[in-house]
Amino acid sequence: MSDLLKKYNTPVPRYTSYPPANYFNESFTAKDYESALDASNASEPQHLSFYFHIPFCRHLCYYCGCNSFAMAKPDKTDRYISALHKEIDRVLPHIDKKRKIAQIHYGGGTPTVLPATILKELNDHLLSTFPHIDQPEIAIECHPGYLDENYWQSLTGAGFNRFSTGIQDFDEKVLKASNRKPSLLPLETIFQILRQKNAGINLDFLYGLPLQTADSFVKSISKAIELQPDRLVTFSYAHVPWVNKRQLLLEKTGLPAQEEKSRMYEQAREILTQSGYQAIGLDHFVKSSDELYTALQNRQLHRNFQGYCTRRTTGQVYAFGVTAISQLSGAYAQNSKSIDDYIERINQGFATVKGYFLSEDEQITREVIETLMCNYSFDWQDLSERLALSVEKIKQATAYNPVRFQEFAADGIISFDDNRMDIKPEGRLFVRNVAAALDKLMLYTDKVFSKPV
């Protein structure tokens, strides 16, 4: 494994979307976004997925690469919430009212800095306009460091049925070095509140932080397993100080060596799978009863900006708020990264500042890479039937070259032939490298990416 790490631990896209966001350009305008909104009604998937970006945090964690800001004064927060409602009202006339909501997701920043009543009003604004599928996923990212019992209970009353709780690590020394506050309540208390409402519970962890070791991280994961969350996520910390200079503060304490970081992942994965959790993608682990695992078994696992999902909950993503990215079938559109600029733009029209129209080849490549990233395999004929295109057309749209993939096969990362490709279990850590070899944009790129591990 160490030899493979040396060879393949090179910067490549994360492929949580395709093309990656650093390909977006400023020639994409608000008018383009309106056109893409209208066109989305005739595109698949037909389900709706809505995203709200809440950029405020009570304090800023050093590791965060998100577009987040220290908590603003009440007047500015109120203006931001008002702008969110205005943006909804600008977008909704472009969407067919017969389409159904499959997902509503809140990210940040820290969405739970807002009163639950405000979050409920945003949910109701959408749910009162569109029908929804049976059991839509209404999810929120939670920082447990400030939330008391009343707040957790009020979230369940606001319509949320899935809670992603950012633990990161149970070791308070690691949290202090990262400027992260530990949970205010014992997690057992939080679980009891949410379980009473039959809510889904995700626990999120981050590996590669200062003072973490493989042994210490496994202790945190073992403690999490005792709580039996529905889903558990082990994110790899991406050190990109050129994106967020706060990350430079972590270098003062020192980041773990690459080999140690790799051991964190491998040992966490081992103990999770031994405890009955099933691996989904690179970083998610779910119970065998989870619909994500069923989708993986059926090779129907999918992903959008909200994360892994099934075909049942898959939707084009319509995003609201500062820096929010809408992920439509034929285009991406991103809002302004400045809160004041976002509010000013929304008061006049749309807040789009950049985006990307996907060519036909890029839409095809997106399907191939997405299928590989989610399911660790793809069958050319299955893709042909799903896309109603010939296998040859699909291969020509990508950078597929059998000679390049023979090298992956020789290194034990994949098995492949003229009909299909499979990532071997021991090669899953390098699935992003395999995906990059299918990507024509990577043939002549000047973009900067993070390392896979």
Protein backbone atom coordinates (compact mmCIF):
# COMPACT_ATOMS: atom_id res chain seq x y z
CA MET A 1 0.00 0.00 0.00
CA SER A 2 2.82 2.45 0.78
CA ASP A 3 4.18 2.11 -2.77
CA LEU A 4 0.73 2.77 -4.22
CA LEU A 5 0.32 5.81 -1.98
CA LYS A 6 3.61 7.24 -3.23
CA LYS A 7 2.54 6.67 -6.83
CA TYR A 8 -1.12 7.70 -6.72
CA ASN A 9 -1.45 10.19 -3.87
CA THR A 10 -1.29 13.07 -6.33
CA PRO A 11 -3.75 15.98 -6.58
CA VAL A 12 -6.95 15.08 -8.43
CA PRO A 13 -10.55 16.37 -8.24
CA ARG A 14 -12.81 15.04 -5.49
CA TYR A 15 -15.51 14.45 -8.11
CA THR A 16 -18.36 15.31 -5.77
CA SER A 17 -19.55 17.03 -8.94
CA TYR A 18 -18.46 17.08 -12.55
CA PRO A 19 -16.89 19.26 -13.77
CA PRO A 20 -15.43 20.48 -10.44
CA ALA A 21 -16.38 23.95 -9.25
CA ASN A 22 -13.00 25.45 -10.14
CA TYR A 23 -14.03 25.17 -13.80
CA PHE A 24 -16.91 27.60 -13.29
CA ASN A 25 -16.50 30.89 -15.15
CA GLU A 26 -17.77 34.45 -14.78
CA SER A 27 -19.12 34.60 -18.34
CA PHE A 28 -22.10 32.59 -17.02
CA THR A 29 -24.70 35.24 -16.09
CA ALA A 30 -27.96 35.54 -14.20
CA LYS A 31 -29.75 35.37 -17.57
CA ASP A 32 -28.00 32.07 -18.23
CA TYR A 33 -29.21 30.80 -14.87
CA GLU A 34 -32.80 31.75 -15.71
CA SER A 35 -32.52 29.87 -19.01
CA ALA A 36 -31.07 26.84 -17.22
CA LEU A 37 -33.91 26.94 -14.67
CA ASP A 38 -36.51 26.88 -17.42
CA ALA A 39 -34.70 24.08 -19.28
CA SER A 40 -34.46 21.96 -16.11
CA ASN A 41 -38.19 21.20 -16.24
CA ALA A 42 -37.66 19.06 -19.34
CA SER A 43 -34.58 17.27 -17.94
CA GLU A 44 -33.94 14.31 -15.68
CA PRO A 45 -34.08 13.79 -12.80
CA GLN A 46 -37.51 15.35 -12.36
CA HIS A 47 -37.45 15.38 -8.56
CA LEU A 48 -36.48 18.57 -6.75
CA SER A 49 -33.62 18.91 -4.31
CA PHE A 50 -33.31 22.24 -2.49
CA TYR A 51 -30.26 23.54 -0.63
CA PHE A 52 -29.92 26.45 1.80
CA HIS A 53 -26.49 27.84 2.66
CA ILE A 54 -26.38 29.40 6.13
CA PRO A 55 -22.92 31.00 6.30
CA PHE A 56 -22.83 32.10 9.94
CA CYS A 57 -20.84 30.42 12.74
CA ARG A 58 -20.54 31.30 16.41
CA HIS A 59 -16.81 30.81 15.95
CA LEU A 60 -14.70 29.62 13.04
CA CYS A 61 -13.01 26.21 13.10
CA TYR A 62 -9.49 26.36 11.67
CA TYR A 63 -9.92 23.34 9.37
CA CYS A 64 -13.06 24.52 7.60
CA GLY A 65 -12.81 25.10 3.85
CA CYS A 66 -16.42 26.25 3.53
CA ASN A 67 -17.59 29.79 2.87
CA SER A 68 -18.41 30.75 6.46
CA PHE A 69 -18.43 33.95 8.52
CA ALA A 70 -18.45 34.88 12.17
CA MET A 71 -21.97 35.39 13.48
CA ALA A 72 -23.34 38.72 12.26
CA LYS A 73 -25.39 41.28 14.17
CA PRO A 74 -29.15 40.54 14.28
CA ASP A 75 -29.94 43.19 11.65
CA LYS A 76 -27.64 41.58 9.08
CA THR A 77 -28.90 38.10 9.89
CA ASP A 78 -32.49 39.28 9.43
CA ARG A 79 -31.62 40.84 6.05
CA TYR A 80 -29.98 37.60 4.98
CA ILE A 81 -33.04 35.49 5.89
CA SER A 82 -35.25 37.97 4.05
CA ALA A 83 -33.01 37.62 0.99
CA LEU A 84 -33.36 33.83 1.12
CA HIS A 85 -37.13 34.14 0.93
CA LYS A 86 -36.82 36.64 -1.92
CA GLU A 87 -34.54 34.28 -3.81
CA ILE A 88 -37.04 31.46 -3.38
CA ASP A 89 -39.74 33.71 -4.83
CA ARG A 90 -37.51 34.52 -7.83
CA VAL A 91 -36.69 30.87 -8.56
CA LEU A 92 -40.06 29.19 -8.01
CA PRO A 93 -41.89 30.73 -11.01
CA HIS A 94 -39.38 28.94 -13.27
CA ILE A 95 -40.10 25.47 -11.83
CA ASP A 96 -43.03 23.27 -12.83
CA LYS A 97 -45.31 23.06 -9.77
CA LYS A 98 -46.12 19.40 -10.50
CA ARG A 99 -42.57 18.34 -9.75
CA LYS A 100 -42.00 16.77 -6.33
CA ILE A 101 -39.59 17.64 -3.54
CA ALA A 102 -37.25 14.75 -2.71
CA GLN A 103 -34.70 16.59 -0.56
CA ILE A 104 -34.23 19.79 1.42
CA HIS A 105 -30.78 20.23 2.90
CA TYR A 106 -29.16 22.92 5.06
CA GLY A 107 -25.39 23.40 5.12
CA GLY A 108 -22.97 26.13 6.05
CA GLY A 109 -21.46 27.61 8.03
CA THR A 110 -23.61 26.44 10.88
CA PRO A 111 -27.34 26.29 10.08
CA THR A 112 -28.15 25.67 13.74
CA VAL A 113 -27.10 29.20 14.70
CA LEU A 114 -30.58 30.23 13.53
CA PRO A 115 -33.73 29.79 15.62
CA ALA A 116 -35.65 26.68 14.60
CA THR A 117 -38.72 28.84 13.88
CA ILE A 118 -36.81 30.59 11.08
CA LEU A 119 -35.68 27.26 9.62
CA LYS A 120 -39.28 26.00 9.73
CA GLU A 121 -40.48 29.07 7.80
CA LEU A 122 -37.94 28.33 5.05
CA ASN A 123 -39.05 24.70 4.89
CA ASP A 124 -42.71 25.72 4.78
CA HIS A 125 -42.04 28.21 1.97
CA LEU A 126 -41.04 25.27 -0.25
CA LEU A 127 -43.34 22.55 1.10
CA SER A 128 -46.40 24.76 0.68
CA THR A 129 -45.56 25.27 -3.02
CA PHE A 130 -44.66 21.77 -4.26
CA PRO A 131 -45.85 18.23 -3.56
CA HIS A 132 -43.23 15.87 -2.14
CA ILE A 133 -42.31 12.23 -2.50
CA ASP A 134 -43.14 9.74 0.21
CA GLN A 135 -40.65 10.32 3.04
CA PRO A 136 -38.60 13.17 1.56
CA GLU A 137 -35.23 13.74 3.20
CA ILE A 138 -35.20 17.04 5.09
CA ALA A 139 -31.71 17.28 6.54
CA ILE A 140 -29.62 19.74 8.49
CA GLU A 141 -25.97 19.95 9.50
CA CYS A 142 -25.68 20.53 13.25
CA HIS A 143 -22.90 21.84 15.47
CA PRO A 144 -23.70 20.18 18.83
CA GLY A 145 -21.44 22.52 20.79
CA TYR A 146 -24.21 25.04 21.54
CA LEU A 147 -27.49 23.12 21.32
CA ASP A 148 -29.57 22.34 24.39
CA GLU A 149 -32.46 19.88 24.71
CA ASN A 150 -35.10 22.46 23.79
CA TYR A 151 -33.33 23.34 20.57
CA TRP A 152 -32.95 19.70 19.46
CA GLN A 153 -36.65 19.15 20.14
CA SER A 154 -37.57 22.30 18.22
CA LEU A 155 -35.62 21.05 15.19
CA THR A 156 -37.71 17.90 15.04
CA GLY A 157 -40.80 20.13 15.20
CA ALA A 158 -39.49 22.20 12.28
CA GLY A 159 -39.82 19.23 9.93
CA PHE A 160 -36.28 17.85 9.90
CA ASN A 161 -35.94 14.08 9.73
CA ARG A 162 -32.18 13.65 9.23
CA PHE A 163 -29.49 15.22 11.39
CA SER A 164 -25.80 15.33 10.43
CA THR A 165 -23.97 16.08 13.65
CA GLY A 166 -20.42 17.37 13.31
CA ILE A 167 -18.40 15.56 16.00
CA GLN A 168 -15.04 15.59 14.12
CA ASP A 169 -13.28 13.89 17.06
CA PHE A 170 -14.09 12.99 20.66
CA ASP A 171 -10.58 13.95 21.83
CA GLU A 172 -10.91 17.44 23.29
CA LYS A 173 -7.20 18.17 22.72
CA VAL A 174 -7.73 17.64 18.99
CA LEU A 175 -10.83 19.84 19.05
CA LYS A 176 -9.03 22.61 20.95
CA ALA A 177 -6.15 22.58 18.45
CA SER A 178 -8.73 22.96 15.70
CA ASN A 179 -10.78 25.65 17.50
CA ARG A 180 -13.80 23.32 17.69
CA LYS A 181 -16.20 23.21 20.65
CA PRO A 182 -17.26 19.74 21.91
CA SER A 183 -20.92 18.76 22.27
CA LEU A 184 -22.87 20.66 24.92
CA LEU A 185 -25.02 17.61 25.71
CA PRO A 186 -24.01 13.97 26.06
CA LEU A 187 -24.65 12.36 22.68
CA GLU A 188 -26.79 9.74 24.42
CA THR A 189 -29.25 12.53 25.33
CA ILE A 190 -29.28 13.86 21.75
CA PHE A 191 -29.87 10.37 20.37
CA GLN A 192 -32.76 9.82 22.76
CA ILE A 193 -34.48 13.03 21.61
CA LEU A 194 -34.03 12.27 17.91
CA ARG A 195 -34.88 8.57 18.18
CA GLN A 196 -38.23 9.45 19.76
CA LYS A 197 -39.10 11.19 16.48
CA ASN A 198 -37.72 8.33 14.31
CA ALA A 199 -35.17 10.73 12.84
CA GLY A 200 -32.10 9.57 10.92
CA ILE A 201 -28.83 10.32 12.71
CA ASN A 202 -25.49 10.87 10.98
CA LEU A 203 -22.25 11.41 12.90
CA ASP A 204 -19.48 13.20 11.00
CA PHE A 205 -15.77 12.80 11.76
CA LEU A 206 -12.66 14.36 10.24
CA TYR A 207 -9.27 12.67 10.06
CA GLY A 208 -5.93 14.32 9.38
CA LEU A 209 -6.22 17.00 12.08
CA PRO A 210 -3.41 18.09 14.45
CA LEU A 211 -2.69 15.72 17.37
CA GLN A 212 -4.67 12.87 15.79
CA THR A 213 -3.07 9.45 15.49
CA ALA A 214 -4.45 6.25 14.02
CA ASP A 215 -4.97 4.88 17.54
CA SER A 216 -6.69 8.00 18.86
CA PHE A 217 -8.97 8.27 15.84
CA VAL A 218 -10.02 4.62 16.15
CA LYS A 219 -10.95 5.31 19.79
CA SER A 220 -13.30 8.06 18.60
CA ILE A 221 -14.83 5.82 15.95
CA SER A 222 -15.24 3.00 18.48
CA LYS A 223 -17.08 5.36 20.82
CA ALA A 224 -19.33 6.41 17.93
CA ILE A 225 -20.12 2.79 17.06
CA GLU A 226 -21.34 2.22 20.62
CA LEU A 227 -24.00 4.89 19.96
CA GLN A 228 -25.17 3.10 16.79
CA PRO A 229 -25.82 6.08 14.48
CA ASP A 230 -27.64 5.25 11.26
CA ARG A 231 -24.77 6.63 9.21
CA LEU A 232 -21.19 7.51 10.10
CA VAL A 233 -18.92 9.61 7.91
CA THR A 234 -15.11 9.81 8.01
CA PHE A 235 -14.08 12.80 5.94
CA SER A 236 -10.46 13.26 4.91
CA TYR A 237 -9.26 16.72 5.96
CA ALA A 238 -8.30 18.63 2.82
CA HIS A 239 -5.47 21.05 3.55
CA VAL A 240 -6.07 23.87 1.05
CA PRO A 241 -4.78 27.04 2.74
CA TRP A 242 -4.85 28.83 -0.64
CA VAL A 243 -8.66 28.55 -0.35
CA ASN A 244 -8.92 29.33 3.37
CA LYS A 245 -5.95 30.95 5.09
CA ARG A 246 -7.27 29.96 8.53
CA GLN A 247 -6.00 26.47 7.81
CA LEU A 248 -2.45 27.79 8.14
CA LEU A 249 -3.11 27.98 11.91
CA LEU A 250 -3.19 24.18 11.99
CA GLU A 251 0.40 24.07 10.77
CA LYS A 252 1.54 25.68 14.03
CA THR A 253 0.51 22.53 15.91
CA GLY A 254 1.48 20.29 13.01
CA LEU A 255 -0.48 17.97 10.75
CA PRO A 256 -0.13 14.16 10.87
CA ALA A 257 2.26 12.53 8.40
CA GLN A 258 0.65 11.14 5.27
CA GLU A 259 1.30 7.54 6.31
CA GLU A 260 -0.35 8.11 9.69
CA LYS A 261 -3.36 9.74 8.03
CA SER A 262 -3.70 6.75 5.74
CA ARG A 263 -3.66 4.42 8.77
CA MET A 264 -6.47 6.48 10.35
CA TYR A 265 -8.66 5.75 7.35
CA GLU A 266 -7.74 2.09 7.03
CA GLN A 267 -8.16 1.27 10.71
CA ALA A 268 -11.42 3.23 11.02
CA ARG A 269 -12.77 1.45 7.95
CA GLU A 270 -11.76 -1.93 9.36
CA ILE A 271 -13.43 -1.46 12.73
CA LEU A 272 -16.59 -0.05 11.14
CA THR A 273 -17.00 -2.95 8.72
CA GLN A 274 -16.24 -5.45 11.50
CA SER A 275 -19.02 -3.80 13.51
CA GLY A 276 -21.60 -4.38 10.78
CA TYR A 277 -21.46 -1.06 8.95
CA GLN A 278 -21.35 -1.12 5.15
CA ALA A 279 -18.99 1.15 3.20
CA ILE A 280 -20.66 3.64 0.85
CA GLY A 281 -18.27 5.48 -1.41
CA LEU A 282 -14.99 6.62 0.10
CA ASP A 283 -16.17 8.02 3.39
CA HIS A 284 -19.72 6.94 4.34
CA PHE A 285 -20.67 3.91 6.42
CA VAL A 286 -24.26 2.80 6.88
CA LYS A 287 -26.23 -0.02 8.45
CA SER A 288 -27.21 -2.96 6.24
CA SER A 289 -30.86 -1.88 6.42
CA ASP A 290 -30.10 1.57 4.98
CA GLU A 291 -31.54 2.35 1.55
CA LEU A 292 -28.13 3.61 0.47
CA TYR A 293 -26.71 0.11 0.94
CA THR A 294 -29.61 -1.42 -0.98
CA ALA A 295 -28.93 1.05 -3.80
CA LEU A 296 -25.24 0.11 -3.79
CA GLN A 297 -26.07 -3.58 -4.00
CA ASN A 298 -28.31 -2.84 -6.99
CA ARG A 299 -25.65 -0.58 -8.53
CA GLN A 300 -28.12 2.31 -8.30
CA LEU A 301 -26.28 4.54 -5.84
CA HIS A 302 -26.18 8.18 -6.89
CA ARG A 303 -24.67 11.42 -5.65
CA ASN A 304 -25.41 15.13 -5.88
CA PHE A 305 -24.23 18.16 -3.90
CA GLN A 306 -26.33 16.96 -0.95
CA GLY A 307 -24.23 13.79 -0.76
CA TYR A 308 -24.98 10.15 -1.51
CA CYS A 309 -28.59 9.38 -2.36
CA THR A 310 -30.77 6.82 -4.06
CA ARG A 311 -32.55 7.22 -7.38
CA ARG A 312 -35.69 7.71 -5.25
CA THR A 313 -34.30 10.83 -3.59
CA THR A 314 -32.18 12.06 -6.49
CA GLY A 315 -33.09 15.51 -7.73
CA GLN A 316 -31.69 18.44 -9.61
CA VAL A 317 -30.38 20.84 -6.95
CA TYR A 318 -31.79 24.36 -6.64
CA ALA A 319 -29.63 26.27 -4.17
CA PHE A 320 -30.29 29.42 -2.14
CA GLY A 321 -27.96 31.71 -0.27
CA VAL A 322 -24.46 33.08 -0.40
CA THR A 323 -22.00 30.95 -2.43
CA ALA A 324 -24.76 28.34 -3.02
CA ILE A 325 -24.38 26.19 -6.15
CA SER A 326 -27.37 24.99 -8.16
CA GLN A 327 -26.70 21.67 -9.86
CA LEU A 328 -29.02 21.33 -12.84
CA SER A 329 -28.85 18.71 -15.57
CA GLY A 330 -27.28 21.03 -18.10
CA ALA A 331 -25.62 23.70 -15.99
CA TYR A 332 -24.18 24.81 -12.66
CA ALA A 333 -24.83 28.28 -11.23
CA GLN A 334 -23.08 29.78 -8.20
CA ASN A 335 -24.14 32.77 -6.13
CA SER A 336 -21.95 35.58 -4.85
CA LYS A 337 -19.56 34.69 -2.01
CA SER A 338 -20.07 38.01 -0.21
CA ILE A 339 -23.06 38.28 2.13
CA ASP A 340 -23.61 41.99 1.45
CA ASP A 341 -23.23 41.53 -2.30
CA TYR A 342 -25.58 38.53 -2.25
CA ILE A 343 -28.28 40.53 -0.43
CA GLU A 344 -27.88 43.49 -2.79
CA ARG A 345 -28.07 41.29 -5.89
CA ILE A 346 -31.14 39.41 -4.66
CA ASN A 347 -32.91 42.69 -4.00
CA GLN A 348 -32.42 43.46 -7.70
CA GLY A 349 -32.72 40.01 -9.31
CA PHE A 350 -30.57 36.87 -9.11
CA ALA A 351 -27.23 36.57 -7.27
CA THR A 352 -25.45 34.46 -9.91
CA VAL A 353 -21.79 35.41 -10.37
CA LYS A 354 -20.40 32.36 -12.17
CA GLY A 355 -21.41 29.00 -13.53
CA TYR A 356 -20.91 26.43 -16.25
CA PHE A 357 -22.85 24.99 -19.16
CA LEU A 358 -22.02 21.32 -19.67
CA SER A 359 -21.35 20.13 -23.20
CA GLU A 360 -22.94 16.88 -24.35
CA ASP A 361 -19.63 15.04 -23.84
CA GLU A 362 -19.31 16.46 -20.32
CA GLN A 363 -22.84 15.36 -19.41
CA ILE A 364 -21.94 11.85 -20.59
CA THR A 365 -18.63 11.90 -18.69
CA ARG A 366 -20.46 13.07 -15.57
CA GLU A 367 -22.68 9.97 -15.70
CA VAL A 368 -19.69 7.64 -16.15
CA ILE A 369 -17.59 9.19 -13.37
CA GLU A 370 -20.55 9.53 -11.00
CA THR A 371 -21.46 5.86 -11.52
CA LEU A 372 -17.87 4.78 -10.86
CA MET A 373 -17.44 6.99 -7.80
CA CYS A 374 -20.68 5.81 -6.22
CA ASN A 375 -20.76 2.13 -7.15
CA TYR A 376 -17.05 1.31 -7.66
CA SER A 377 -17.97 -0.15 -11.03
CA PHE A 378 -19.78 0.48 -14.26
CA ASP A 379 -20.99 -1.58 -17.18
CA TRP A 380 -20.69 0.07 -20.59
CA GLN A 381 -23.90 -1.57 -21.81
CA ASP A 382 -25.86 -0.46 -18.74
CA LEU A 383 -24.68 3.09 -19.35
CA SER A 384 -25.64 2.76 -23.01
CA GLU A 385 -29.18 1.75 -22.12
CA ARG A 386 -29.57 4.44 -19.44
CA LEU A 387 -28.26 7.24 -21.68
CA ALA A 388 -29.75 5.89 -24.93
CA LEU A 389 -26.34 6.20 -26.57
CA SER A 390 -23.97 3.70 -28.15
CA VAL A 391 -21.10 2.34 -26.10
CA GLU A 392 -18.68 3.78 -28.63
CA LYS A 393 -20.24 7.24 -28.26
CA ILE A 394 -19.88 7.07 -24.48
CA LYS A 395 -16.26 5.95 -24.66
CA GLN A 396 -15.44 8.73 -27.15
CA ALA A 397 -16.98 11.32 -24.81
CA THR A 398 -14.57 10.32 -22.05
CA ALA A 399 -10.77 10.04 -21.95
CA TYR A 400 -11.01 6.24 -21.85
CA ASN A 401 -7.76 4.65 -23.04
CA PRO A 402 -7.26 0.90 -22.43
CA VAL A 403 -3.49 1.34 -22.18
CA ARG A 404 -3.87 3.73 -19.23
CA PHE A 405 -6.25 1.37 -17.45
CA GLN A 406 -3.93 -1.59 -17.96
CA GLU A 407 -1.53 0.23 -15.64
CA PHE A 408 -4.22 0.52 -12.95
CA ALA A 409 -4.96 -3.19 -13.43
CA ALA A 410 -1.29 -4.11 -13.12
CA ASP A 411 -1.16 -2.20 -9.83
CA GLY A 412 -4.15 -4.18 -8.50
CA ILE A 413 -6.49 -1.18 -8.39
CA ILE A 414 -9.03 -2.27 -11.00
CA SER A 415 -10.18 -5.17 -13.12
CA PHE A 416 -11.62 -4.32 -16.52
CA ASP A 417 -12.42 -5.61 -19.98
CA ASP A 418 -14.36 -4.37 -23.00
CA ASN A 419 -17.64 -4.70 -21.11
CA ARG A 420 -17.11 -3.28 -17.61
CA MET A 421 -14.77 -1.84 -15.03
CA ASP A 422 -14.57 -2.66 -11.32
CA ILE A 423 -12.53 -1.03 -8.58
CA LYS A 424 -11.02 -3.78 -6.43
CA PRO A 425 -11.63 -3.49 -2.66
CA GLU A 426 -7.93 -2.78 -2.04
CA GLY A 427 -7.99 -0.10 -4.76
CA ARG A 428 -10.96 1.94 -3.54
CA LEU A 429 -8.71 4.54 -1.93
CA PHE A 430 -7.63 5.49 -5.46
CA VAL A 431 -11.03 5.64 -7.16
CA ARG A 432 -10.53 9.38 -7.74
CA ASN A 433 -7.36 8.64 -9.71
CA VAL A 434 -9.27 6.18 -11.90
CA ALA A 435 -12.05 8.72 -12.41
CA ALA A 436 -9.48 11.35 -13.41
CA ALA A 437 -8.21 9.01 -16.11
CA LEU A 438 -11.70 9.11 -17.66
CA ASP A 439 -11.80 12.91 -17.60
CA LYS A 440 -10.79 14.78 -20.77
CA LEU A 441 -10.54 18.00 -18.75
CA MET A 442 -7.61 16.48 -16.83
CA LEU A 443 -5.56 16.02 -20.00
CA TYR A 444 -4.66 19.72 -20.17
CA THR A 445 -5.58 21.29 -16.86
CA ASP A 446 -4.03 24.14 -14.90
CA LYS A 447 -6.45 23.71 -11.98
CA VAL A 448 -5.31 22.99 -8.41
CA PHE A 449 -6.76 20.03 -6.49
CA SER A 450 -6.26 18.26 -3.16
CA LYS A 451 -4.64 14.83 -2.73
CA PRO A 452 -6.89 11.74 -2.50
CA VAL A 453 -5.60 10.71 0.93
